[in-house]
Amino acid sequence: MKLGDFCLDLLSEGRFKFDGGVMYGAVPKKLWEKCICPDEDNCVPLEMSMLLARTPAGNVLIEAGIGPNCPPKYHKIYKIERTSSVKEELKKCGCSPEDVDYIVLTHLHFDHSGGIGSPGREGIVCPNAKIVVHEKEWRYARNPHIRDDGAYIAEDIDMIEKSGKLMLVSEDTEILPGIKLVHTGGHSPGHMVVVVESSGEKACFAGDIISLPGNERLLWVLGLDYDPIESIDAKQKLLQQMIEEKWLIFPGHTPYCGYIIEGEKYPELIRAGSLRL
């Protein structure tokens, strides 16, 4: 799809399942199941969404999915259905891994960063790309609290470090004209969203600040957020801009994008495009 002079492509490596109660935190099931249907195990589907932004100044891949090196126990726990890869998804867009200039990771949880590596972690899937991570996220991922230890896979973090491609940012940063990284924290210490702007049009890859339908509501934050108060504060700032300036929103784990509008009681995400249209 076009955004001003940019081309945006919503990609996916597949999907996995996660407990619905965790994805909606303190929100009662009777409310959140109106937005997404859980299975018999109370799990909801999460798309391993990625976004390719092609601009006159360079190509940016946002997120990398779980990848080929995820431990078998994760496949069993999360019922991972990996139906594609970074390389295959880029090919569908007429783009090669060598064409990617930056890979932006909103954070380093395994379902967003594992696809950075080739099979066996023999190299980086996009060999010419700088891998952009927030400094706070990098520090925390190297030594996470025991509560978050399972969210980070040490071998993937080591691989990124050894690649020599790591680019740390410590403040809101425009890595290319029209591609701005905004630190939110909340979900993880160094969580970022990516704001894309061209010719007066704006889009946002929201990562896990807005992961699933219903998460656009201010207080509907994830039960596993590192700092839920920070998540709410960050979302509050972003929601006003998203609604007033009509940003195109890419939630972190849906196969579609959309616009957020003011509903009768709460903000609502209205779908505008899908992977499977």
Protein backbone atom coordinates (compact mmCIF):
# COMPACT_ATOMS: atom_id res chain seq x y z
CA MET A 1 0.00 0.00 0.00
CA LYS A 2 1.11 3.57 -0.61
CA LEU A 3 1.77 6.13 2.08
CA GLY A 4 2.75 9.34 0.35
CA ASP A 5 5.97 8.52 -1.50
CA PHE A 6 6.56 5.37 0.55
CA CYS A 7 5.42 1.81 -0.05
CA LEU A 8 4.32 -0.20 3.01
CA ASP A 9 3.92 -3.98 2.96
CA LEU A 10 2.42 -5.92 5.87
CA LEU A 11 4.22 -9.25 6.16
CA SER A 12 3.82 -12.29 8.39
CA GLU A 13 5.92 -15.28 9.35
CA GLY A 14 2.88 -17.14 10.61
CA ARG A 15 1.09 -17.20 13.94
CA PHE A 16 1.14 -18.66 17.41
CA LYS A 17 -1.20 -18.80 20.40
CA PHE A 18 -1.05 -17.13 23.78
CA ASP A 19 -3.30 -17.14 26.80
CA GLY A 20 -6.06 -14.57 26.32
CA GLY A 21 -6.06 -13.57 29.96
CA VAL A 22 -2.39 -12.62 29.72
CA MET A 23 -2.96 -10.62 26.54
CA TYR A 24 -5.70 -8.55 28.18
CA GLY A 25 -4.39 -8.32 31.74
CA ALA A 26 -6.97 -7.20 34.29
CA VAL A 27 -9.78 -6.95 31.71
CA PRO A 28 -12.53 -9.54 32.43
CA LYS A 29 -12.91 -12.27 29.83
CA LYS A 30 -16.57 -11.35 29.29
CA LEU A 31 -15.32 -8.07 27.82
CA TRP A 32 -12.23 -9.05 25.84
CA GLU A 33 -13.81 -12.12 24.20
CA LYS A 34 -16.13 -9.72 22.37
CA CYS A 35 -13.03 -8.52 20.49
CA ILE A 36 -11.32 -11.85 19.82
CA CYS A 37 -12.49 -15.44 20.19
CA PRO A 38 -10.44 -17.73 22.45
CA ASP A 39 -10.07 -21.46 21.81
CA GLU A 40 -10.87 -24.28 24.21
CA ASP A 41 -7.61 -23.60 26.08
CA ASN A 42 -8.45 -19.88 26.46
CA CYS A 43 -5.72 -19.02 23.93
CA VAL A 44 -6.00 -16.38 21.21
CA PRO A 45 -4.14 -16.21 17.88
CA LEU A 46 -1.23 -13.81 17.47
CA GLU A 47 0.10 -12.99 14.02
CA MET A 48 3.89 -12.69 13.71
CA SER A 49 3.51 -9.39 11.91
CA MET A 50 6.29 -7.47 10.19
CA LEU A 51 6.23 -4.28 8.14
CA LEU A 52 8.45 -3.43 5.19
CA ALA A 53 8.77 0.30 4.52
CA ARG A 54 10.35 1.17 1.16
CA THR A 55 11.39 4.80 0.92
CA PRO A 56 13.48 6.84 -1.52
CA ALA A 57 16.25 6.91 1.11
CA GLY A 58 16.27 3.18 1.93
CA ASN A 59 14.36 0.10 2.99
CA VAL A 60 13.36 -0.64 6.59
CA LEU A 61 12.07 -3.95 7.93
CA ILE A 62 10.21 -3.63 11.23
CA GLU A 63 10.32 -6.83 13.32
CA ALA A 64 11.60 -10.26 12.29
CA GLY A 65 9.21 -12.82 13.76
CA ILE A 66 10.19 -15.95 15.69
CA GLY A 67 12.54 -17.39 13.09
CA PRO A 68 13.91 -20.89 12.46
CA ASN A 69 15.89 -21.32 15.68
CA CYS A 70 13.18 -21.15 18.33
CA PRO A 71 13.56 -23.94 20.95
CA PRO A 72 11.19 -26.93 20.53
CA LYS A 73 9.55 -26.33 23.91
CA TYR A 74 8.38 -22.90 22.70
CA HIS A 75 6.75 -24.52 19.67
CA LYS A 76 4.85 -26.86 21.98
CA ILE A 77 3.83 -24.22 24.52
CA TYR A 78 2.77 -21.56 22.02
CA LYS A 79 1.53 -23.80 19.18
CA ILE A 80 3.72 -21.97 16.70
CA GLU A 81 2.66 -22.21 13.04
CA ARG A 82 5.59 -20.84 11.09
CA THR A 83 4.31 -20.69 7.52
CA SER A 84 6.88 -18.30 6.04
CA SER A 85 10.17 -16.54 6.77
CA VAL A 86 11.71 -13.09 6.48
CA LYS A 87 13.38 -14.09 3.22
CA GLU A 88 10.19 -15.53 1.71
CA GLU A 89 8.09 -12.55 2.75
CA LEU A 90 10.58 -10.09 1.25
CA LYS A 91 10.59 -12.07 -1.99
CA LYS A 92 6.79 -11.68 -2.26
CA CYS A 93 7.38 -7.92 -2.34
CA GLY A 94 10.08 -8.14 -4.99
CA CYS A 95 12.72 -7.34 -2.40
CA SER A 96 15.82 -9.35 -1.45
CA PRO A 97 17.38 -9.60 2.03
CA GLU A 98 20.37 -7.68 0.68
CA ASP A 99 18.09 -4.73 -0.17
CA VAL A 100 17.17 -4.09 3.48
CA ASP A 101 19.11 -1.21 5.06
CA TYR A 102 17.68 -1.34 8.59
CA ILE A 103 15.90 -3.90 10.72
CA VAL A 104 14.07 -2.18 13.57
CA LEU A 105 13.12 -4.33 16.54
CA THR A 106 10.44 -2.72 18.68
CA HIS A 107 11.82 -4.90 21.49
CA LEU A 108 13.80 -8.11 21.87
CA HIS A 109 11.16 -10.63 22.98
CA PHE A 110 11.64 -13.88 21.08
CA ASP A 111 8.52 -13.48 18.93
CA HIS A 112 9.77 -10.18 17.51
CA SER A 113 13.51 -10.75 17.13
CA GLY A 114 14.24 -14.44 16.54
CA GLY A 115 13.86 -14.20 12.77
CA ILE A 116 16.96 -12.01 12.58
CA GLY A 117 19.11 -15.14 12.28
CA SER A 118 19.50 -17.63 9.45
CA PRO A 119 18.99 -21.33 10.24
CA GLY A 120 21.53 -22.45 12.83
CA ARG A 121 22.29 -18.79 13.60
CA GLU A 122 25.06 -18.88 11.01
CA GLY A 123 24.44 -15.27 10.05
CA ILE A 124 21.99 -12.39 9.85
CA VAL A 125 19.14 -12.91 7.41
CA CYS A 126 19.57 -9.38 5.98
CA PRO A 127 23.36 -9.13 5.74
CA ASN A 128 23.58 -5.42 4.86
CA ALA A 129 21.11 -4.19 7.47
CA LYS A 130 21.83 -2.38 10.69
CA ILE A 131 19.84 -3.87 13.56
CA VAL A 132 18.24 -1.07 15.55
CA VAL A 133 17.37 -1.59 19.22
CA HIS A 134 16.78 0.81 22.08
CA GLU A 135 19.66 0.99 24.53
CA LYS A 136 17.41 0.28 27.54
CA GLU A 137 16.06 -2.83 25.82
CA TRP A 138 19.54 -4.09 25.02
CA ARG A 139 20.76 -3.69 28.59
CA TYR A 140 17.69 -5.42 30.01
CA ALA A 141 17.75 -8.29 27.49
CA ARG A 142 21.32 -9.10 28.51
CA ASN A 143 20.25 -9.55 32.12
CA PRO A 144 16.46 -9.78 32.46
CA HIS A 145 14.56 -10.24 35.70
CA ILE A 146 13.60 -13.86 36.37
CA ARG A 147 9.96 -12.92 35.58
CA ASP A 148 10.93 -12.03 32.01
CA ASP A 149 13.71 -14.54 31.44
CA GLY A 150 11.62 -16.73 29.13
CA ALA A 151 10.77 -13.79 26.85
CA TYR A 152 14.39 -13.41 25.76
CA ILE A 153 16.49 -16.09 24.05
CA ALA A 154 20.13 -15.53 24.97
CA GLU A 155 21.49 -17.19 21.83
CA ASP A 156 19.59 -14.73 19.63
CA ILE A 157 20.88 -11.77 21.64
CA ASP A 158 24.44 -13.10 21.40
CA MET A 159 24.08 -13.54 17.64
CA ILE A 160 23.00 -9.92 17.19
CA GLU A 161 25.97 -8.72 19.21
CA LYS A 162 28.46 -10.86 17.29
CA SER A 163 27.08 -9.71 13.94
CA GLY A 164 28.65 -6.27 14.32
CA LYS A 165 25.41 -4.79 12.94
CA LEU A 166 23.87 -3.59 16.20
CA MET A 167 22.80 0.06 16.30
CA LEU A 168 21.63 1.29 19.70
CA VAL A 169 19.44 4.36 20.11
CA SER A 170 18.90 6.15 23.41
CA GLU A 171 16.27 8.72 22.42
CA ASP A 172 13.58 9.23 19.81
CA THR A 173 15.45 8.90 16.53
CA GLU A 174 14.76 9.40 12.83
CA ILE A 175 16.87 6.70 11.18
CA LEU A 176 15.81 7.76 7.67
CA PRO A 177 13.73 10.72 6.51
CA GLY A 178 10.17 9.86 7.54
CA ILE A 179 11.07 6.83 9.70
CA LYS A 180 11.03 7.79 13.38
CA LEU A 181 11.53 5.52 16.38
CA VAL A 182 9.65 6.59 19.50
CA HIS A 183 10.45 5.08 22.89
CA THR A 184 7.39 4.03 24.89
CA GLY A 185 8.73 1.59 27.45
CA GLY A 186 5.91 -0.12 29.31
CA HIS A 187 5.71 -3.50 27.63
CA SER A 188 9.47 -3.83 28.07
CA PRO A 189 12.05 -1.27 29.24
CA GLY A 190 13.14 -0.30 25.75
CA HIS A 191 9.96 -0.89 23.76
CA MET A 192 9.57 1.44 20.76
CA VAL A 193 6.93 2.19 18.16
CA VAL A 194 7.80 3.21 14.61
CA VAL A 195 6.13 6.29 13.14
CA VAL A 196 6.24 6.56 9.35
CA GLU A 197 5.46 9.84 7.60
CA SER A 198 5.43 10.84 3.94
CA SER A 199 3.72 13.73 2.16
CA GLY A 200 1.63 14.55 5.22
CA GLU A 201 0.37 10.99 5.73
CA LYS A 202 1.30 9.01 8.84
CA ALA A 203 1.38 5.38 9.89
CA CYS A 204 2.53 3.62 13.03
CA PHE A 205 3.75 0.12 13.73
CA ALA A 206 2.57 -0.14 17.32
CA GLY A 207 4.40 -3.26 18.51
CA ASP A 208 2.98 -4.47 21.80
CA ILE A 209 1.57 -1.13 22.93
CA ILE A 210 -1.38 -2.06 20.68
CA SER A 211 -1.07 -5.79 19.97
CA LEU A 212 -4.58 -7.08 19.34
CA PRO A 213 -8.14 -5.81 18.83
CA GLY A 214 -9.28 -4.09 22.00
CA ASN A 215 -5.76 -3.04 23.00
CA GLU A 216 -6.51 0.39 21.52
CA ARG A 217 -8.56 1.01 24.67
CA LEU A 218 -6.43 2.97 27.09
CA LEU A 219 -6.53 0.62 30.08
CA TRP A 220 -6.45 -2.63 28.12
CA VAL A 221 -2.76 -3.45 28.55
CA LEU A 222 -1.01 -6.81 28.62
CA GLY A 223 -0.74 -8.75 31.85
CA LEU A 224 2.94 -9.38 31.18
CA ASP A 225 3.89 -5.72 30.66
CA TYR A 226 7.08 -4.76 32.47
CA ASP A 227 5.48 -1.50 33.62
CA PRO A 228 1.72 -1.31 32.90
CA ILE A 229 1.46 2.28 34.17
CA GLU A 230 4.12 3.35 31.66
CA SER A 231 2.24 1.45 28.93
CA ILE A 232 -0.94 3.35 29.71
CA ASP A 233 0.84 6.72 29.80
CA ALA A 234 2.59 6.06 26.49
CA LYS A 235 -0.61 4.87 24.84
CA GLN A 236 -2.49 7.92 26.07
CA LYS A 237 -0.01 10.24 24.36
CA LEU A 238 -0.07 8.26 21.13
CA LEU A 239 -3.85 7.76 20.94
CA GLN A 240 -4.56 11.47 20.72
CA GLN A 241 -2.21 11.85 17.76
CA MET A 242 -3.41 8.64 16.12
CA ILE A 243 -7.03 9.80 16.18
CA GLU A 244 -6.57 13.51 15.42
CA GLU A 245 -4.05 12.99 12.59
CA LYS A 246 -5.71 9.82 11.21
CA TRP A 247 -2.64 7.59 11.44
CA LEU A 248 -2.75 4.19 9.74
CA ILE A 249 -2.11 1.73 12.59
CA PHE A 250 -0.37 -1.63 12.34
CA PRO A 251 -0.96 -3.54 15.59
CA GLY A 252 1.90 -5.82 16.60
CA HIS A 253 0.01 -9.11 16.28
CA THR A 254 -2.84 -8.80 13.78
CA PRO A 255 -3.01 -9.70 10.06
CA TYR A 256 -4.51 -6.29 9.29
CA CYS A 257 -4.04 -2.57 9.77
CA GLY A 258 -6.61 0.13 10.44
CA TYR A 259 -7.52 3.54 11.79
CA ILE A 260 -8.48 4.37 15.35
CA ILE A 261 -11.60 6.48 15.83
CA GLU A 262 -13.42 7.80 18.89
CA GLY A 263 -16.22 5.35 19.66
CA GLU A 264 -19.23 6.03 21.88
CA LYS A 265 -17.35 4.80 24.96
CA TYR A 266 -13.85 3.84 23.84
CA PRO A 267 -11.47 4.29 20.92
CA GLU A 268 -12.13 1.70 18.20
CA LEU A 269 -9.82 0.21 15.59
CA ILE A 270 -11.47 0.15 12.15
CA ARG A 271 -9.84 -2.26 9.72
CA ALA A 272 -8.46 -0.78 6.53
CA GLY A 273 -6.31 -3.50 4.98
CA SER A 274 -5.39 -7.15 5.49
CA LEU A 275 -2.74 -9.73 4.67
CA ARG A 276 -5.40 -11.98 3.22
CA LEU A 277 -7.50 -9.62 1.11
